[in-house]
C-alpha atoms as a PDB file:
ATOM      1  CA  MET A   1     -64.938   1.524  32.529  1.00  0.00           C
ATOM      2  CA  PHE A   2     -65.672   0.830  28.884  1.00  0.00           C
ATOM      3  CA  PRO A   3     -67.298  -2.292  27.429  1.00  0.00           C
ATOM      4  CA  LYS A   4     -65.284  -5.396  26.562  1.00  0.00           C
ATOM      5  CA  ILE A   5     -64.893  -6.652  23.011  1.00  0.00           C
ATOM      6  CA  THR A   6     -66.720  -9.887  22.238  1.00  0.00           C
ATOM      7  CA  THR A   7     -66.436 -10.080  18.440  1.00  0.00           C
ATOM      8  CA  ALA A   8     -64.178  -8.519  15.804  1.00  0.00           C
ATOM      9  CA  ILE A   9     -64.657  -8.951  12.078  1.00  0.00           C
ATOM     10  CA  PRO A  10     -62.090  -7.741   9.531  1.00  0.00           C
ATOM     11  CA  LYS A  11     -63.590  -5.820   6.620  1.00  0.00           C
ATOM     12  CA  PRO A  12     -62.197  -4.321   3.400  1.00  0.00           C
ATOM     13  CA  ASP A  13     -60.249  -1.058   3.524  1.00  0.00           C
ATOM     14  CA  TYR A  14     -58.602  -1.981   6.844  1.00  0.00           C
ATOM     15  CA  LYS A  15     -61.763  -1.623   8.879  1.00  0.00           C
ATOM     16  CA  LEU A  16     -62.967  -3.702  11.785  1.00  0.00           C
ATOM     17  CA  GLU A  17     -66.528  -4.311  12.876  1.00  0.00           C
ATOM     18  CA  ILE A  18     -66.466  -4.787  16.613  1.00  0.00           C
ATOM     19  CA  GLU A  19     -69.177  -5.988  18.967  1.00  0.00           C
ATOM     20  CA  PHE A  20     -68.864  -5.013  22.609  1.00  0.00           C
ATOM     21  CA  ASP A  21     -70.389  -6.830  25.568  1.00  0.00           C
ATOM     22  CA  ASN A  22     -73.090  -4.151  25.832  1.00  0.00           C
ATOM     23  CA  LYS A  23     -74.322  -5.380  22.387  1.00  0.00           C
ATOM     24  CA  ILE A  24     -73.188  -2.199  20.617  1.00  0.00           C
ATOM     25  CA  TRP A  25     -71.496  -2.668  17.247  1.00  0.00           C
ATOM     26  CA  LYS A  26     -68.860  -0.176  16.123  1.00  0.00           C
ATOM     27  CA  GLU A  27     -66.627   0.274  13.106  1.00  0.00           C
ATOM     28  CA  PHE A  28     -62.951   1.094  13.595  1.00  0.00           C
ATOM     29  CA  SER A  29     -60.550   2.115  10.845  1.00  0.00           C
ATOM     30  CA  VAL A  30     -57.013   0.797  11.180  1.00  0.00           C
ATOM     31  CA  LEU A  31     -55.935   2.801   8.113  1.00  0.00           C
ATOM     32  CA  PRO A  32     -54.648   5.889   9.997  1.00  0.00           C
ATOM     33  CA  TYR A  33     -52.352   3.676  12.074  1.00  0.00           C
ATOM     34  CA  LEU A  34     -50.671   1.815   9.205  1.00  0.00           C
ATOM     35  CA  ASN A  35     -47.870   4.381   8.892  1.00  0.00           C
ATOM     36  CA  TYR A  36     -46.608   3.551  12.382  1.00  0.00           C
ATOM     37  CA  PRO A  37     -43.886   0.872  12.238  1.00  0.00           C
ATOM     38  CA  VAL A  38     -45.565  -1.391  14.789  1.00  0.00           C
ATOM     39  CA  PHE A  39     -48.737  -1.608  12.663  1.00  0.00           C
ATOM     40  CA  GLN A  40     -47.104  -1.991   9.219  1.00  0.00           C
ATOM     41  CA  PRO A  41     -47.475  -5.811   9.152  1.00  0.00           C
ATOM     42  CA  LEU A  42     -51.248  -5.195   9.022  1.00  0.00           C
ATOM     43  CA  LYS A  43     -50.829  -3.859   5.469  1.00  0.00           C
ATOM     44  CA  ASP A  44     -50.708  -7.517   4.445  1.00  0.00           C
ATOM     45  CA  THR A  45     -54.431  -8.236   4.175  1.00  0.00           C
ATOM     46  CA  SER A  46     -54.002 -11.961   4.798  1.00  0.00           C
ATOM     47  CA  PHE A  47     -52.351 -11.099   8.130  1.00  0.00           C
ATOM     48  CA  PHE A  48     -54.915  -8.362   8.869  1.00  0.00           C
ATOM     49  CA  ASN A  49     -57.731 -10.871   8.380  1.00  0.00           C
ATOM     50  CA  LYS A  50     -56.298 -13.196  11.060  1.00  0.00           C
ATOM     51  CA  ILE A  51     -57.562 -11.036  13.901  1.00  0.00           C
ATOM     52  CA  ILE A  52     -58.175 -12.603  17.314  1.00  0.00           C
ATOM     53  CA  VAL A  53     -60.194 -11.288  20.270  1.00  0.00           C
ATOM     54  CA  LYS A  54     -58.095 -11.787  23.397  1.00  0.00           C
ATOM     55  CA  TYR A  55     -57.345  -9.886  26.609  1.00  0.00           C
ATOM     56  CA  ASP A  56     -60.478  -7.738  26.046  1.00  0.00           C
ATOM     57  CA  THR A  57     -59.017  -6.336  22.816  1.00  0.00           C
ATOM     58  CA  VAL A  58     -58.000  -7.375  19.301  1.00  0.00           C
ATOM     59  CA  VAL A  59     -54.631  -8.940  18.562  1.00  0.00           C
ATOM     60  CA  TRP A  60     -52.709 -10.240  15.562  1.00  0.00           C
ATOM     61  CA  GLY A  61     -49.851 -12.676  15.245  1.00  0.00           C
ATOM     62  CA  LYS A  62     -48.967 -16.009  16.729  1.00  0.00           C
ATOM     63  CA  GLU A  63     -47.413 -14.303  19.732  1.00  0.00           C
ATOM     64  CA  GLU A  64     -49.958 -11.457  19.779  1.00  0.00           C
ATOM     65  CA  ILE A  65     -47.323  -9.031  18.538  1.00  0.00           C
ATOM     66  CA  ILE A  66     -49.828  -6.376  17.483  1.00  0.00           C
ATOM     67  CA  ASP A  67     -52.788  -5.095  19.458  1.00  0.00           C
ATOM     68  CA  PHE A  68     -54.877  -1.998  20.037  1.00  0.00           C
ATOM     69  CA  ASP A  69     -55.729  -0.322  23.300  1.00  0.00           C
ATOM     70  CA  PRO A  70     -59.381  -1.222  24.031  1.00  0.00           C
ATOM     71  CA  PHE A  71     -60.036   2.397  25.024  1.00  0.00           C
ATOM     72  CA  THR A  72     -58.909   3.511  21.561  1.00  0.00           C
ATOM     73  CA  LEU A  73     -61.161   0.953  19.911  1.00  0.00           C
ATOM     74  CA  TRP A  74     -64.147   2.185  21.921  1.00  0.00           C
ATOM     75  CA  THR A  75     -63.560   5.931  21.621  1.00  0.00           C
ATOM     76  CA  GLU A  76     -62.191   6.135  18.071  1.00  0.00           C
ATOM     77  CA  SER A  77     -64.853   3.988  16.439  1.00  0.00           C
ATOM     78  CA  THR A  78     -68.245   4.827  15.005  1.00  0.00           C
ATOM     79  CA  GLU A  79     -71.413   3.103  16.122  1.00  0.00           C
ATOM     80  CA  ILE A  80     -73.130   1.076  13.416  1.00  0.00           C
ATOM     81  CA  SER A  81     -76.422  -0.768  13.355  1.00  0.00           C
ATOM     82  CA  LYS A  82     -76.353  -4.504  13.861  1.00  0.00           C
ATOM     83  CA  LYS A  83     -78.035  -4.857  10.471  1.00  0.00           C
ATOM     84  CA  SER A  84     -75.080  -3.284   8.693  1.00  0.00           C
ATOM     85  CA  ALA A  85     -72.521  -5.196  10.740  1.00  0.00           C
ATOM     86  CA  THR A  86     -71.072  -8.247   8.983  1.00  0.00           C
ATOM     87  CA  THR A  87     -72.722  -7.500   5.621  1.00  0.00           C
END
């Protein structure tokens, strides 16, 4: 089992800084996914910035129409130091 997401912060260049319940911070790039039709609404940065942590993952939209598999967020992200997170 992989850790649960506790915090997600949108950053420039379609990146997310994510804190997991094991206190590890990681950075995930949404950029490679923006060509897929389901993720295209995230190209609108005002929408991208309205991220919500729910169901142990990140979601967007009033009806949570866009989300990422938590396994993808854990395995496809890069660990960052807590100092660099949120700056």
